[in-house]
Amino acid sequence: MTDTTSKDTIVPTRAVRPSGLNHLVLNVRDLEESHQFWTEIIGFKQVGELHKAPDRPNPPKMRFYSGDHDGQDFHHDIALVENTALPAPPEKWSMFGGAMAVNHIAITLPDREAWLQQLAFMQSKGIKFDRRVDHGMTHSLYIRDPNGYGVELVYNLPREVWEGDIDAALNWVRPLPNEGPEALLDDTENVPVFGAVGDD
């Protein structure tokens, strides 16, 4: 790795566009409770945690988690920090007008089959489905974690479905049942293509 000084760096005229979101850190009231949710219900794997160090004799309770990146662990996609001073979660979750600073966190499943299996698994565990919808670029289920954070589980539709008009795909939504066997059905026959000829 080459070390260059700031005088060798070309200063751009606008911000550099990021390649994506690296990780998310959530404050949680009870680390053990949240650990159980994010590992046993959502399926992330713990890959690390903060330990004592000479300059950190009393570290905060913090753990790091990775999804499956083509069979490989990542340094972390999400981290949890215990903060017992957090307020209690709202009794009812709502995507809009809620009291939470974080609206929701979207988690990608590898493909449609994995997504359907995850929905069936969560329903078998008695997890409440707060919202089921088809979006123009994903099919989605919304639940909430023990702290009241919304969690969206998605699989991505093929790029050719939404790339012609991303804005239209983002604005399209089809509400679906969120209880019983109907909450586990997934329609792939009537998927609109955005930006296609004749699209309204």
C-alpha atoms as a PDB file:
ATOM      1  CA  MET A   1       0.000   0.000   0.000  1.00  0.00           C
ATOM      2  CA  THR A   2       1.443   3.344  -1.065  1.00  0.00           C
ATOM      3  CA  ASP A   3       1.464   6.184   1.437  1.00  0.00           C
ATOM      4  CA  THR A   4       0.836   9.554  -0.165  1.00  0.00           C
ATOM      5  CA  THR A   5       0.699  12.932   1.498  1.00  0.00           C
ATOM      6  CA  SER A   6      -2.201  15.321   1.189  1.00  0.00           C
ATOM      7  CA  LYS A   7      -0.250  17.520  -1.238  1.00  0.00           C
ATOM      8  CA  ASP A   8      -0.372  14.623  -3.744  1.00  0.00           C
ATOM      9  CA  THR A   9      -4.153  14.305  -3.533  1.00  0.00           C
ATOM     10  CA  ILE A  10      -6.257  15.929  -6.226  1.00  0.00           C
ATOM     11  CA  VAL A  11      -9.062  17.911  -4.588  1.00  0.00           C
ATOM     12  CA  PRO A  12     -12.352  17.195  -6.381  1.00  0.00           C
ATOM     13  CA  THR A  13     -14.966  19.869  -6.972  1.00  0.00           C
ATOM     14  CA  ARG A  14     -17.732  17.785  -5.386  1.00  0.00           C
ATOM     15  CA  ALA A  15     -18.132  14.998  -2.847  1.00  0.00           C
ATOM     16  CA  VAL A  16     -16.927  11.540  -3.879  1.00  0.00           C
ATOM     17  CA  ARG A  17     -19.878   9.192  -4.366  1.00  0.00           C
ATOM     18  CA  PRO A  18     -19.659   6.307  -1.837  1.00  0.00           C
ATOM     19  CA  SER A  19     -19.763   2.705  -3.012  1.00  0.00           C
ATOM     20  CA  GLY A  20     -22.400   1.878  -0.392  1.00  0.00           C
ATOM     21  CA  LEU A  21     -23.243   1.605   3.278  1.00  0.00           C
ATOM     22  CA  ASN A  22     -20.488  -0.210   5.190  1.00  0.00           C
ATOM     23  CA  HIS A  23     -22.204  -0.976   8.497  1.00  0.00           C
ATOM     24  CA  LEU A  24     -24.879   0.178  10.911  1.00  0.00           C
ATOM     25  CA  VAL A  25     -24.540   0.551  14.703  1.00  0.00           C
ATOM     26  CA  LEU A  26     -27.664   0.353  16.855  1.00  0.00           C
ATOM     27  CA  ASN A  27     -28.153   1.347  20.479  1.00  0.00           C
ATOM     28  CA  VAL A  28     -30.077  -1.410  22.280  1.00  0.00           C
ATOM     29  CA  ARG A  29     -31.486  -1.631  25.803  1.00  0.00           C
ATOM     30  CA  ASP A  30     -30.489  -5.237  26.489  1.00  0.00           C
ATOM     31  CA  LEU A  31     -27.555  -6.664  24.532  1.00  0.00           C
ATOM     32  CA  GLU A  32     -28.455 -10.305  25.216  1.00  0.00           C
ATOM     33  CA  GLU A  33     -32.065  -9.821  24.103  1.00  0.00           C
ATOM     34  CA  SER A  34     -30.984  -8.052  20.911  1.00  0.00           C
ATOM     35  CA  HIS A  35     -28.215 -10.590  20.270  1.00  0.00           C
ATOM     36  CA  GLN A  36     -30.832 -13.346  20.351  1.00  0.00           C
ATOM     37  CA  PHE A  37     -33.073 -11.484  17.903  1.00  0.00           C
ATOM     38  CA  TRP A  38     -30.349 -10.614  15.370  1.00  0.00           C
ATOM     39  CA  THR A  39     -28.754 -14.085  15.455  1.00  0.00           C
ATOM     40  CA  GLU A  40     -31.585 -16.551  16.127  1.00  0.00           C
ATOM     41  CA  ILE A  41     -34.418 -14.747  14.309  1.00  0.00           C
ATOM     42  CA  ILE A  42     -32.685 -12.678  11.601  1.00  0.00           C
ATOM     43  CA  GLY A  43     -29.729 -15.051  11.103  1.00  0.00           C
ATOM     44  CA  PHE A  44     -26.648 -12.833  11.438  1.00  0.00           C
ATOM     45  CA  LYS A  45     -23.462 -14.363  12.880  1.00  0.00           C
ATOM     46  CA  GLN A  46     -21.504 -12.708  15.692  1.00  0.00           C
ATOM     47  CA  VAL A  47     -17.937 -12.118  14.500  1.00  0.00           C
ATOM     48  CA  GLY A  48     -16.517 -10.007  17.326  1.00  0.00           C
ATOM     49  CA  GLU A  49     -17.037  -7.889  20.439  1.00  0.00           C
ATOM     50  CA  LEU A  50     -15.259  -5.154  22.359  1.00  0.00           C
ATOM     51  CA  HIS A  51     -12.723  -6.377  24.942  1.00  0.00           C
ATOM     52  CA  LYS A  52     -10.815  -4.693  27.739  1.00  0.00           C
ATOM     53  CA  ALA A  53      -7.605  -2.969  26.706  1.00  0.00           C
ATOM     54  CA  PRO A  54      -4.997  -0.841  28.532  1.00  0.00           C
ATOM     55  CA  ASP A  55      -6.648   2.317  27.203  1.00  0.00           C
ATOM     56  CA  ARG A  56     -10.169   0.858  27.558  1.00  0.00           C
ATOM     57  CA  PRO A  57     -10.483  -0.859  30.960  1.00  0.00           C
ATOM     58  CA  ASN A  58     -14.301  -0.669  30.986  1.00  0.00           C
ATOM     59  CA  PRO A  59     -15.438  -0.968  27.380  1.00  0.00           C
ATOM     60  CA  PRO A  60     -19.098  -0.590  26.489  1.00  0.00           C
ATOM     61  CA  LYS A  61     -20.989  -3.811  25.814  1.00  0.00           C
ATOM     62  CA  MET A  62     -20.701  -3.977  22.035  1.00  0.00           C
ATOM     63  CA  ARG A  63     -20.874  -6.861  19.561  1.00  0.00           C
ATOM     64  CA  PHE A  64     -20.354  -7.100  15.809  1.00  0.00           C
ATOM     65  CA  TYR A  65     -22.313  -9.216  13.302  1.00  0.00           C
ATOM     66  CA  SER A  66     -21.901 -10.366   9.706  1.00  0.00           C
ATOM     67  CA  GLY A  67     -24.247 -11.635   7.049  1.00  0.00           C
ATOM     68  CA  ASP A  68     -23.278 -14.248   4.469  1.00  0.00           C
ATOM     69  CA  HIS A  69     -21.096 -12.662   1.789  1.00  0.00           C
ATOM     70  CA  ASP A  70     -20.843 -15.475  -0.749  1.00  0.00           C
ATOM     71  CA  GLY A  71     -19.974 -17.915   2.020  1.00  0.00           C
ATOM     72  CA  GLN A  72     -17.503 -15.545   3.679  1.00  0.00           C
ATOM     73  CA  ASP A  73     -17.794 -13.538   6.885  1.00  0.00           C
ATOM     74  CA  PHE A  74     -17.443  -9.776   6.592  1.00  0.00           C
ATOM     75  CA  HIS A  75     -15.787  -7.701   9.336  1.00  0.00           C
ATOM     76  CA  HIS A  76     -19.322  -6.544  10.230  1.00  0.00           C
ATOM     77  CA  ASP A  77     -22.567  -5.401   8.687  1.00  0.00           C
ATOM     78  CA  ILE A  78     -24.217  -4.411  11.950  1.00  0.00           C
ATOM     79  CA  ALA A  79     -23.103  -3.736  15.518  1.00  0.00           C
ATOM     80  CA  LEU A  80     -25.087  -3.505  18.754  1.00  0.00           C
ATOM     81  CA  VAL A  81     -24.179  -1.267  21.696  1.00  0.00           C
ATOM     82  CA  GLU A  82     -25.965  -1.661  25.029  1.00  0.00           C
ATOM     83  CA  ASN A  83     -27.563   1.557  26.282  1.00  0.00           C
ATOM     84  CA  THR A  84     -29.884   0.884  29.217  1.00  0.00           C
ATOM     85  CA  ALA A  85     -31.096   4.507  29.165  1.00  0.00           C
ATOM     86  CA  LEU A  86     -33.044   4.023  25.922  1.00  0.00           C
ATOM     87  CA  PRO A  87     -36.786   4.657  26.203  1.00  0.00           C
ATOM     88  CA  ALA A  88     -39.207   1.753  25.918  1.00  0.00           C
ATOM     89  CA  PRO A  89     -40.217   0.903  22.349  1.00  0.00           C
ATOM     90  CA  PRO A  90     -43.569   2.155  21.055  1.00  0.00           C
ATOM     91  CA  GLU A  91     -46.416  -0.322  21.528  1.00  0.00           C
ATOM     92  CA  LYS A  92     -47.295  -0.228  17.837  1.00  0.00           C
ATOM     93  CA  TRP A  93     -44.845   0.032  14.953  1.00  0.00           C
ATOM     94  CA  SER A  94     -45.629   2.313  12.045  1.00  0.00           C
ATOM     95  CA  MET A  95     -43.446   3.183   9.093  1.00  0.00           C
ATOM     96  CA  PHE A  96     -44.573   6.806   9.169  1.00  0.00           C
ATOM     97  CA  GLY A  97     -45.152   9.109  12.127  1.00  0.00           C
ATOM     98  CA  GLY A  98     -43.446   6.849  14.680  1.00  0.00           C
ATOM     99  CA  ALA A  99     -41.319   7.943  17.628  1.00  0.00           C
ATOM    100  CA  MET A 100     -38.153   6.097  16.546  1.00  0.00           C
ATOM    101  CA  ALA A 101     -35.218   8.015  15.077  1.00  0.00           C
ATOM    102  CA  VAL A 102     -34.433   5.060  12.780  1.00  0.00           C
ATOM    103  CA  ASN A 103     -37.366   4.399  10.455  1.00  0.00           C
ATOM    104  CA  HIS A 104     -36.285   0.878   9.482  1.00  0.00           C
ATOM    105  CA  ILE A 105     -33.299  -1.270   8.556  1.00  0.00           C
ATOM    106  CA  ALA A 106     -33.490  -3.293   5.325  1.00  0.00           C
ATOM    107  CA  ILE A 107     -31.852  -6.731   5.275  1.00  0.00           C
ATOM    108  CA  THR A 108     -31.302  -8.505   1.934  1.00  0.00           C
ATOM    109  CA  LEU A 109     -31.869 -12.251   1.610  1.00  0.00           C
ATOM    110  CA  PRO A 110     -29.817 -14.040  -1.071  1.00  0.00           C
ATOM    111  CA  ASP A 111     -32.779 -14.884  -3.320  1.00  0.00           C
ATOM    112  CA  ARG A 112     -36.539 -15.464  -3.453  1.00  0.00           C
ATOM    113  CA  GLU A 113     -36.347 -19.026  -2.100  1.00  0.00           C
ATOM    114  CA  ALA A 114     -34.230 -17.990   0.902  1.00  0.00           C
ATOM    115  CA  TRP A 115     -36.644 -15.099   1.558  1.00  0.00           C
ATOM    116  CA  LEU A 116     -39.693 -17.394   1.474  1.00  0.00           C
ATOM    117  CA  GLN A 117     -37.953 -19.842   3.816  1.00  0.00           C
ATOM    118  CA  GLN A 118     -37.079 -17.004   6.226  1.00  0.00           C
ATOM    119  CA  LEU A 119     -40.705 -15.793   6.276  1.00  0.00           C
ATOM    120  CA  ALA A 120     -41.944 -19.323   7.013  1.00  0.00           C
ATOM    121  CA  PHE A 121     -39.328 -19.715   9.752  1.00  0.00           C
ATOM    122  CA  MET A 122     -40.269 -16.441  11.437  1.00  0.00           C
ATOM    123  CA  GLN A 123     -43.985 -17.200  11.233  1.00  0.00           C
ATOM    124  CA  SER A 124     -43.302 -20.592  12.864  1.00  0.00           C
ATOM    125  CA  LYS A 125     -41.553 -18.730  15.720  1.00  0.00           C
ATOM    126  CA  GLY A 126     -44.577 -16.481  16.281  1.00  0.00           C
ATOM    127  CA  ILE A 127     -42.899 -13.311  14.969  1.00  0.00           C
ATOM    128  CA  LYS A 128     -45.528 -10.652  14.234  1.00  0.00           C
ATOM    129  CA  PHE A 129     -45.559  -9.510  10.616  1.00  0.00           C
ATOM    130  CA  ASP A 130     -46.205  -5.768  10.776  1.00  0.00           C
ATOM    131  CA  ARG A 131     -46.378  -5.147   7.035  1.00  0.00           C
ATOM    132  CA  ARG A 132     -46.130  -7.201   3.828  1.00  0.00           C
ATOM    133  CA  VAL A 133     -45.748  -5.384   0.512  1.00  0.00           C
ATOM    134  CA  ASP A 134     -44.398  -5.761  -2.975  1.00  0.00           C
ATOM    135  CA  HIS A 135     -42.282  -2.768  -3.949  1.00  0.00           C
ATOM    136  CA  GLY A 136     -41.191  -2.022  -7.479  1.00  0.00           C
ATOM    137  CA  MET A 137     -37.626  -3.189  -6.787  1.00  0.00           C
ATOM    138  CA  THR A 138     -38.086  -5.648  -3.885  1.00  0.00           C
ATOM    139  CA  HIS A 139     -40.626  -7.902  -2.235  1.00  0.00           C
ATOM    140  CA  SER A 140     -40.661  -7.043   1.455  1.00  0.00           C
ATOM    141  CA  LEU A 141     -41.713  -8.043   4.948  1.00  0.00           C
ATOM    142  CA  TYR A 142     -41.522  -5.585   7.860  1.00  0.00           C
ATOM    143  CA  ILE A 143     -41.157  -6.699  11.477  1.00  0.00           C
ATOM    144  CA  ARG A 144     -39.621  -4.973  14.522  1.00  0.00           C
ATOM    145  CA  ASP A 145     -36.758  -5.769  16.839  1.00  0.00           C
ATOM    146  CA  PRO A 146     -37.008  -5.735  20.681  1.00  0.00           C
ATOM    147  CA  ASN A 147     -36.091  -2.022  20.732  1.00  0.00           C
ATOM    148  CA  GLY A 148     -38.819  -0.983  18.317  1.00  0.00           C
ATOM    149  CA  TYR A 149     -36.590  -0.587  15.254  1.00  0.00           C
ATOM    150  CA  GLY A 150     -38.367  -1.535  12.041  1.00  0.00           C
ATOM    151  CA  VAL A 151     -36.626  -4.356  10.166  1.00  0.00           C
ATOM    152  CA  GLU A 152     -37.416  -4.961   6.498  1.00  0.00           C
ATOM    153  CA  LEU A 153     -36.495  -8.333   4.992  1.00  0.00           C
ATOM    154  CA  VAL A 154     -36.265  -8.202   1.205  1.00  0.00           C
ATOM    155  CA  TYR A 155     -35.197  -9.992  -1.903  1.00  0.00           C
ATOM    156  CA  ASN A 156     -34.288  -7.879  -4.896  1.00  0.00           C
ATOM    157  CA  LEU A 157     -36.210  -8.122  -8.142  1.00  0.00           C
ATOM    158  CA  PRO A 158     -34.135  -8.405 -11.326  1.00  0.00           C
ATOM    159  CA  ARG A 159     -32.463  -5.154 -12.351  1.00  0.00           C
ATOM    160  CA  GLU A 160     -34.341  -5.022 -15.654  1.00  0.00           C
ATOM    161  CA  VAL A 161     -37.604  -4.656 -13.701  1.00  0.00           C
ATOM    162  CA  TRP A 162     -36.707  -1.334 -12.071  1.00  0.00           C
ATOM    163  CA  GLU A 163     -33.672   0.203 -13.799  1.00  0.00           C
ATOM    164  CA  GLY A 164     -35.740   1.918 -16.535  1.00  0.00           C
ATOM    165  CA  ASP A 165     -37.343   4.233 -13.953  1.00  0.00           C
ATOM    166  CA  ILE A 166     -35.982   3.853 -10.426  1.00  0.00           C
ATOM    167  CA  ASP A 167     -38.189   6.666  -9.105  1.00  0.00           C
ATOM    168  CA  ALA A 168     -41.362   4.976 -10.369  1.00  0.00           C
ATOM    169  CA  ALA A 169     -40.251   1.648  -8.876  1.00  0.00           C
ATOM    170  CA  LEU A 170     -39.597   3.331  -5.517  1.00  0.00           C
ATOM    171  CA  ASN A 171     -43.059   4.860  -5.550  1.00  0.00           C
ATOM    172  CA  TRP A 172     -44.915   1.667  -6.475  1.00  0.00           C
ATOM    173  CA  VAL A 173     -46.318  -0.473  -3.653  1.00  0.00           C
ATOM    174  CA  ARG A 174     -48.807  -3.341  -3.455  1.00  0.00           C
ATOM    175  CA  PRO A 175     -50.064  -4.102   0.117  1.00  0.00           C
ATOM    176  CA  LEU A 176     -50.385  -7.811   0.957  1.00  0.00           C
ATOM    177  CA  PRO A 177     -51.820  -9.913   3.813  1.00  0.00           C
ATOM    178  CA  ASN A 178     -49.559 -10.107   6.878  1.00  0.00           C
ATOM    179  CA  GLU A 179     -51.230 -13.005   8.716  1.00  0.00           C
ATOM    180  CA  GLY A 180     -51.891 -16.673   8.077  1.00  0.00           C
ATOM    181  CA  PRO A 181     -50.883 -18.751   5.025  1.00  0.00           C
ATOM    182  CA  GLU A 182     -51.579 -15.786   2.699  1.00  0.00           C
ATOM    183  CA  ALA A 183     -48.652 -13.904   4.296  1.00  0.00           C
ATOM    184  CA  LEU A 184     -46.289 -16.529   2.862  1.00  0.00           C
ATOM    185  CA  LEU A 185     -47.455 -16.257  -0.762  1.00  0.00           C
ATOM    186  CA  ASP A 186     -45.331 -14.424  -3.328  1.00  0.00           C
ATOM    187  CA  ASP A 187     -46.628 -13.398  -6.744  1.00  0.00           C
ATOM    188  CA  THR A 188     -43.975 -13.260  -9.453  1.00  0.00           C
ATOM    189  CA  GLU A 189     -46.419 -13.425 -12.367  1.00  0.00           C
ATOM    190  CA  ASN A 190     -47.744  -9.858 -12.110  1.00  0.00           C
ATOM    191  CA  VAL A 191     -44.554  -7.864 -11.618  1.00  0.00           C
ATOM    192  CA  PRO A 192     -44.595  -4.499 -13.426  1.00  0.00           C
ATOM    193  CA  VAL A 193     -41.571  -3.382 -15.429  1.00  0.00           C
ATOM    194  CA  PHE A 194     -40.770   0.296 -14.877  1.00  0.00           C
ATOM    195  CA  GLY A 195     -39.774   2.510 -17.759  1.00  0.00           C
ATOM    196  CA  ALA A 196     -41.043  -0.069 -20.258  1.00  0.00           C
ATOM    197  CA  VAL A 197     -42.797   1.089 -23.427  1.00  0.00           C
ATOM    198  CA  GLY A 198     -46.441   1.870 -22.607  1.00  0.00           C
ATOM    199  CA  ASP A 199     -45.700   2.232 -18.852  1.00  0.00           C
ATOM    200  CA  ASP A 200     -47.976   4.771 -17.154  1.00  0.00           C
END
